[in-house]
């Protein structure tokens, strides 16, 4: 299937991909807020929050994609567990640097 052909229904594809990435964004932002609230204030708050959210989101999205590849379906509980574990590891490694 070529994505640039006319037979692709773009709005459902957009909403499906948004729904796939939403848990990674929500948990990543929550972890970054908790880490910024608890952590030291060595950088401007918004910059540190944005960087940590992006790192957590990338780790979580990578875990979700890996779970999709390995299990063949998205939304498996083991995949969400891996997402949270990957984000927690990213948060812990990043906390040592601040």
N, C-alpha and C. Protein backbone atom coordinates (compact mmCIF):
# COMPACT_ATOMS: atom_id res chain seq x y z
N UNK A 1 0.84 -1.18 0.00
CA UNK A 1 0.00 0.00 0.00
C UNK A 1 0.89 1.24 0.00
N UNK A 2 0.64 2.10 -0.91
CA UNK A 2 1.35 3.36 -1.00
C UNK A 2 0.55 4.43 -0.24
N UNK A 3 1.20 5.08 0.71
CA UNK A 3 0.49 6.06 1.53
C UNK A 3 0.10 7.31 0.76
N UNK A 4 0.69 7.52 -0.41
CA UNK A 4 0.40 8.72 -1.15
C UNK A 4 -0.66 8.51 -2.23
N UNK A 5 -1.25 7.34 -2.27
CA UNK A 5 -2.35 7.10 -3.19
C UNK A 5 -3.64 7.69 -2.61
N UNK A 6 -4.66 7.76 -3.41
CA UNK A 6 -5.91 8.37 -2.99
C UNK A 6 -6.76 7.47 -2.12
N UNK A 7 -6.43 6.19 -2.01
CA UNK A 7 -7.29 5.28 -1.26
C UNK A 7 -7.02 5.29 0.24
N UNK A 8 -6.10 6.12 0.71
CA UNK A 8 -5.81 6.21 2.14
C UNK A 8 -6.78 7.18 2.79
N UNK A 9 -7.42 6.75 3.83
CA UNK A 9 -8.34 7.61 4.58
C UNK A 9 -7.54 8.28 5.70
N UNK A 10 -7.14 9.52 5.49
CA UNK A 10 -6.21 10.19 6.39
C UNK A 10 -6.75 10.48 7.79
N UNK A 11 -7.95 10.96 7.98
CA UNK A 11 -8.40 11.24 9.36
C UNK A 11 -8.39 10.01 10.28
N UNK A 12 -8.90 8.85 9.86
CA UNK A 12 -8.81 7.69 10.75
C UNK A 12 -7.37 7.26 11.03
N UNK A 13 -6.49 7.40 10.02
CA UNK A 13 -5.08 7.06 10.24
C UNK A 13 -4.46 8.00 11.27
N UNK A 14 -4.77 9.29 11.15
CA UNK A 14 -4.26 10.26 12.12
C UNK A 14 -4.74 9.94 13.53
N UNK A 15 -6.04 9.66 13.69
CA UNK A 15 -6.58 9.39 15.01
C UNK A 15 -6.06 8.07 15.58
N UNK A 16 -5.85 7.09 14.73
CA UNK A 16 -5.30 5.83 15.21
C UNK A 16 -3.86 6.02 15.71
N UNK A 17 -3.04 6.73 14.96
CA UNK A 17 -1.67 6.98 15.38
C UNK A 17 -1.62 7.87 16.63
N UNK A 18 -2.54 8.83 16.71
CA UNK A 18 -2.61 9.67 17.91
C UNK A 18 -2.99 8.85 19.13
N UNK A 19 -3.94 7.96 18.97
CA UNK A 19 -4.35 7.09 20.07
C UNK A 19 -3.26 6.11 20.47
N UNK A 20 -2.45 5.70 19.51
CA UNK A 20 -1.34 4.81 19.81
C UNK A 20 -0.27 5.51 20.64
N UNK A 21 0.01 6.78 20.31
CA UNK A 21 1.08 7.53 20.99
C UNK A 21 0.61 8.24 22.25
N UNK A 22 -0.68 8.38 22.46
CA UNK A 22 -1.20 9.14 23.60
C UNK A 22 -0.76 8.61 24.96
N UNK A 23 -0.74 7.29 25.21
CA UNK A 23 -0.27 6.84 26.52
C UNK A 23 1.18 7.21 26.80
N UNK A 24 2.02 7.14 25.78
CA UNK A 24 3.43 7.51 25.96
C UNK A 24 3.56 9.00 26.28
N UNK A 25 2.78 9.82 25.63
CA UNK A 25 2.84 11.26 25.90
C UNK A 25 2.31 11.59 27.29
N UNK A 26 1.19 10.99 27.67
CA UNK A 26 0.59 11.29 28.97
C UNK A 26 1.48 10.84 30.12
N UNK A 27 1.98 9.63 30.05
CA UNK A 27 2.84 9.12 31.13
C UNK A 27 4.17 9.87 31.14
N UNK A 28 4.69 10.16 29.95
CA UNK A 28 5.95 10.90 29.88
C UNK A 28 5.86 12.29 30.47
N UNK A 29 4.77 12.98 30.18
CA UNK A 29 4.56 14.31 30.75
C UNK A 29 4.36 14.23 32.26
N UNK A 30 3.61 13.24 32.72
CA UNK A 30 3.40 13.07 34.16
C UNK A 30 4.69 12.79 34.91
N UNK A 31 5.52 11.91 34.35
CA UNK A 31 6.81 11.62 34.98
C UNK A 31 7.73 12.83 34.98
N UNK A 32 7.73 13.57 33.89
CA UNK A 32 8.57 14.76 33.81
C UNK A 32 8.12 15.82 34.82
N UNK A 33 6.81 15.98 34.98
CA UNK A 33 6.30 16.93 35.98
C UNK A 33 6.68 16.51 37.39
N UNK A 34 6.55 15.23 37.67
CA UNK A 34 6.91 14.74 39.00
C UNK A 34 8.41 14.88 39.24
N UNK A 35 9.21 14.61 38.23
CA UNK A 35 10.65 14.74 38.38
C UNK A 35 11.09 16.19 38.51
N UNK A 36 10.47 17.09 37.76
CA UNK A 36 10.82 18.50 37.85
C UNK A 36 10.38 19.11 39.19
N UNK A 37 9.25 18.65 39.68
CA UNK A 37 8.76 19.15 40.96
C UNK A 37 9.66 18.69 42.11
N UNK A 38 10.13 17.45 42.02
CA UNK A 38 10.94 16.87 43.08
C UNK A 38 12.42 17.19 42.93
N UNK A 39 12.88 17.43 41.71
CA UNK A 39 14.31 17.57 41.44
C UNK A 39 14.89 18.91 41.81
N UNK A 40 16.18 18.99 41.54
CA UNK A 40 16.90 20.24 41.79
C UNK A 40 16.60 21.25 40.70
N UNK A 41 16.77 22.49 41.01
CA UNK A 41 16.46 23.57 40.07
C UNK A 41 17.76 24.11 39.46
N UNK A 42 18.40 23.31 38.60
CA UNK A 42 19.64 23.77 37.98
C UNK A 42 19.40 24.43 36.63
N UNK A 43 18.24 24.20 36.01
CA UNK A 43 17.89 24.76 34.71
C UNK A 43 16.56 25.47 34.81
N UNK A 44 16.24 26.23 33.80
CA UNK A 44 14.88 26.78 33.76
C UNK A 44 13.84 25.65 33.76
N UNK A 45 12.78 25.84 34.49
CA UNK A 45 11.79 24.79 34.70
C UNK A 45 11.20 24.28 33.40
N UNK A 46 10.77 25.19 32.52
CA UNK A 46 10.08 24.77 31.30
C UNK A 46 11.00 24.04 30.35
N UNK A 47 12.25 24.45 30.30
CA UNK A 47 13.20 23.76 29.42
C UNK A 47 13.46 22.35 29.92
N UNK A 48 13.67 22.21 31.21
CA UNK A 48 13.91 20.87 31.77
C UNK A 48 12.67 19.99 31.60
N UNK A 49 11.50 20.57 31.76
CA UNK A 49 10.27 19.81 31.59
C UNK A 49 10.10 19.34 30.15
N UNK A 50 10.39 20.21 29.21
CA UNK A 50 10.26 19.86 27.79
C UNK A 50 11.26 18.78 27.39
N UNK A 51 12.50 18.91 27.82
CA UNK A 51 13.52 17.92 27.48
C UNK A 51 13.19 16.57 28.08
N UNK A 52 12.81 16.54 29.34
CA UNK A 52 12.50 15.27 29.98
C UNK A 52 11.24 14.63 29.40
N UNK A 53 10.25 15.43 29.05
CA UNK A 53 9.06 14.89 28.41
C UNK A 53 9.40 14.26 27.07
N UNK A 54 10.25 14.92 26.29
CA UNK A 54 10.65 14.38 24.99
C UNK A 54 11.43 13.07 25.15
N UNK A 55 12.30 13.00 26.14
CA UNK A 55 13.07 11.77 26.38
C UNK A 55 12.14 10.65 26.82
N UNK A 56 11.25 10.95 27.75
CA UNK A 56 10.30 9.93 28.22
C UNK A 56 9.37 9.47 27.09
N UNK A 57 8.91 10.42 26.28
CA UNK A 57 8.03 10.08 25.16
C UNK A 57 8.74 9.17 24.17
N UNK A 58 9.98 9.47 23.86
CA UNK A 58 10.73 8.64 22.91
C UNK A 58 10.94 7.23 23.47
N UNK A 59 11.28 7.13 24.75
CA UNK A 59 11.46 5.81 25.36
C UNK A 59 10.16 5.03 25.39
N UNK A 60 9.08 5.70 25.74
CA UNK A 60 7.78 5.03 25.80
C UNK A 60 7.26 4.63 24.44
N UNK A 61 7.42 5.50 23.45
CA UNK A 61 6.98 5.17 22.10
C UNK A 61 7.80 4.03 21.51
N UNK A 62 9.09 4.01 21.83
CA UNK A 62 9.92 2.89 21.38
C UNK A 62 9.46 1.58 21.98
N UNK A 63 9.11 1.59 23.26
CA UNK A 63 8.61 0.37 23.90
C UNK A 63 7.27 -0.06 23.32
N UNK A 64 6.40 0.90 23.02
CA UNK A 64 5.12 0.57 22.41
C UNK A 64 5.30 -0.01 21.01
N UNK A 65 6.21 0.56 20.23
CA UNK A 65 6.47 0.03 18.90
C UNK A 65 7.07 -1.37 18.96
N UNK A 66 7.99 -1.58 19.90
CA UNK A 66 8.57 -2.91 20.06
C UNK A 66 7.52 -3.93 20.48
N UNK A 67 6.63 -3.53 21.37
CA UNK A 67 5.54 -4.41 21.77
C UNK A 67 4.60 -4.72 20.62
N UNK A 68 4.34 -3.74 19.77
CA UNK A 68 3.50 -3.96 18.60
C UNK A 68 4.17 -4.93 17.63
N UNK A 69 5.45 -4.79 17.44
CA UNK A 69 6.18 -5.67 16.54
C UNK A 69 6.23 -7.10 17.09
N UNK A 70 6.50 -7.23 18.38
CA UNK A 70 6.65 -8.57 18.96
C UNK A 70 5.33 -9.30 19.15
N UNK A 71 4.28 -8.60 19.52
CA UNK A 71 3.00 -9.27 19.79
C UNK A 71 2.04 -9.21 18.62
N UNK A 72 2.23 -8.27 17.71
CA UNK A 72 1.33 -8.15 16.57
C UNK A 72 0.08 -7.34 16.83
N UNK A 73 -0.10 -6.88 18.05
CA UNK A 73 -1.25 -6.04 18.41
C UNK A 73 -0.78 -4.95 19.34
N UNK A 74 -1.48 -3.82 19.29
CA UNK A 74 -1.17 -2.79 20.28
C UNK A 74 -2.17 -2.89 21.42
N UNK A 75 -1.82 -2.31 22.54
CA UNK A 75 -2.73 -2.31 23.68
C UNK A 75 -2.59 -3.50 24.61
N UNK A 76 -1.54 -4.28 24.47
CA UNK A 76 -1.33 -5.40 25.39
C UNK A 76 -0.79 -4.87 26.72
N UNK A 77 -1.19 -5.48 27.81
CA UNK A 77 -0.77 -5.00 29.13
C UNK A 77 0.74 -5.14 29.32
N UNK A 78 1.32 -6.19 28.76
CA UNK A 78 2.77 -6.37 28.87
C UNK A 78 3.50 -5.24 28.14
N UNK A 79 2.93 -4.78 27.05
CA UNK A 79 3.52 -3.66 26.32
C UNK A 79 3.45 -2.38 27.14
N UNK A 80 2.34 -2.15 27.82
CA UNK A 80 2.23 -0.96 28.67
C UNK A 80 3.18 -1.06 29.87
N UNK A 81 3.37 -2.25 30.39
CA UNK A 81 4.34 -2.45 31.47
C UNK A 81 5.75 -2.11 30.98
N UNK A 82 6.08 -2.57 29.78
CA UNK A 82 7.39 -2.25 29.21
C UNK A 82 7.54 -0.76 28.97
N UNK A 83 6.47 -0.09 28.56
CA UNK A 83 6.50 1.34 28.35
C UNK A 83 6.81 2.08 29.65
N UNK A 84 6.12 1.71 30.71
CA UNK A 84 6.34 2.36 32.00
C UNK A 84 7.74 2.08 32.51
N UNK A 85 8.22 0.85 32.34
CA UNK A 85 9.58 0.51 32.78
C UNK A 85 10.63 1.28 31.99
N UNK A 86 10.44 1.43 30.68
CA UNK A 86 11.39 2.18 29.86
C UNK A 86 11.41 3.65 30.26
N UNK A 87 10.23 4.19 30.54
CA UNK A 87 10.16 5.60 30.95
C UNK A 87 10.77 5.80 32.34
N UNK A 88 10.55 4.87 33.23
CA UNK A 88 11.14 4.97 34.57
C UNK A 88 12.66 4.91 34.49
N UNK A 89 13.17 4.04 33.63
CA UNK A 89 14.62 3.96 33.45
C UNK A 89 15.17 5.26 32.87
N UNK A 90 14.50 5.79 31.87
CA UNK A 90 14.93 7.07 31.27
C UNK A 90 14.88 8.19 32.29
N UNK A 91 13.85 8.20 33.11
CA UNK A 91 13.72 9.24 34.15
C UNK A 91 14.82 9.11 35.18
N UNK A 92 15.12 7.88 35.58
CA UNK A 92 16.17 7.67 36.59
C UNK A 92 17.54 8.02 36.04
N UNK A 93 17.83 7.67 34.80
CA UNK A 93 19.12 8.01 34.21
C UNK A 93 19.26 9.51 34.02
N UNK A 94 18.19 10.16 33.67
CA UNK A 94 18.23 11.60 33.47
C UNK A 94 18.31 12.35 34.80
N UNK A 95 17.75 11.79 35.85
CA UNK A 95 17.79 12.45 37.16
C UNK A 95 19.21 12.53 37.70
N UNK A 96 20.05 11.58 37.33
CA UNK A 96 21.44 11.62 37.78
C UNK A 96 22.22 12.76 37.15
N UNK A 97 21.78 13.23 36.00
CA UNK A 97 22.50 14.27 35.27
C UNK A 97 22.12 15.68 35.72
N UNK A 98 21.00 15.82 36.40
CA UNK A 98 20.57 17.17 36.78
C UNK A 98 21.04 17.53 38.15
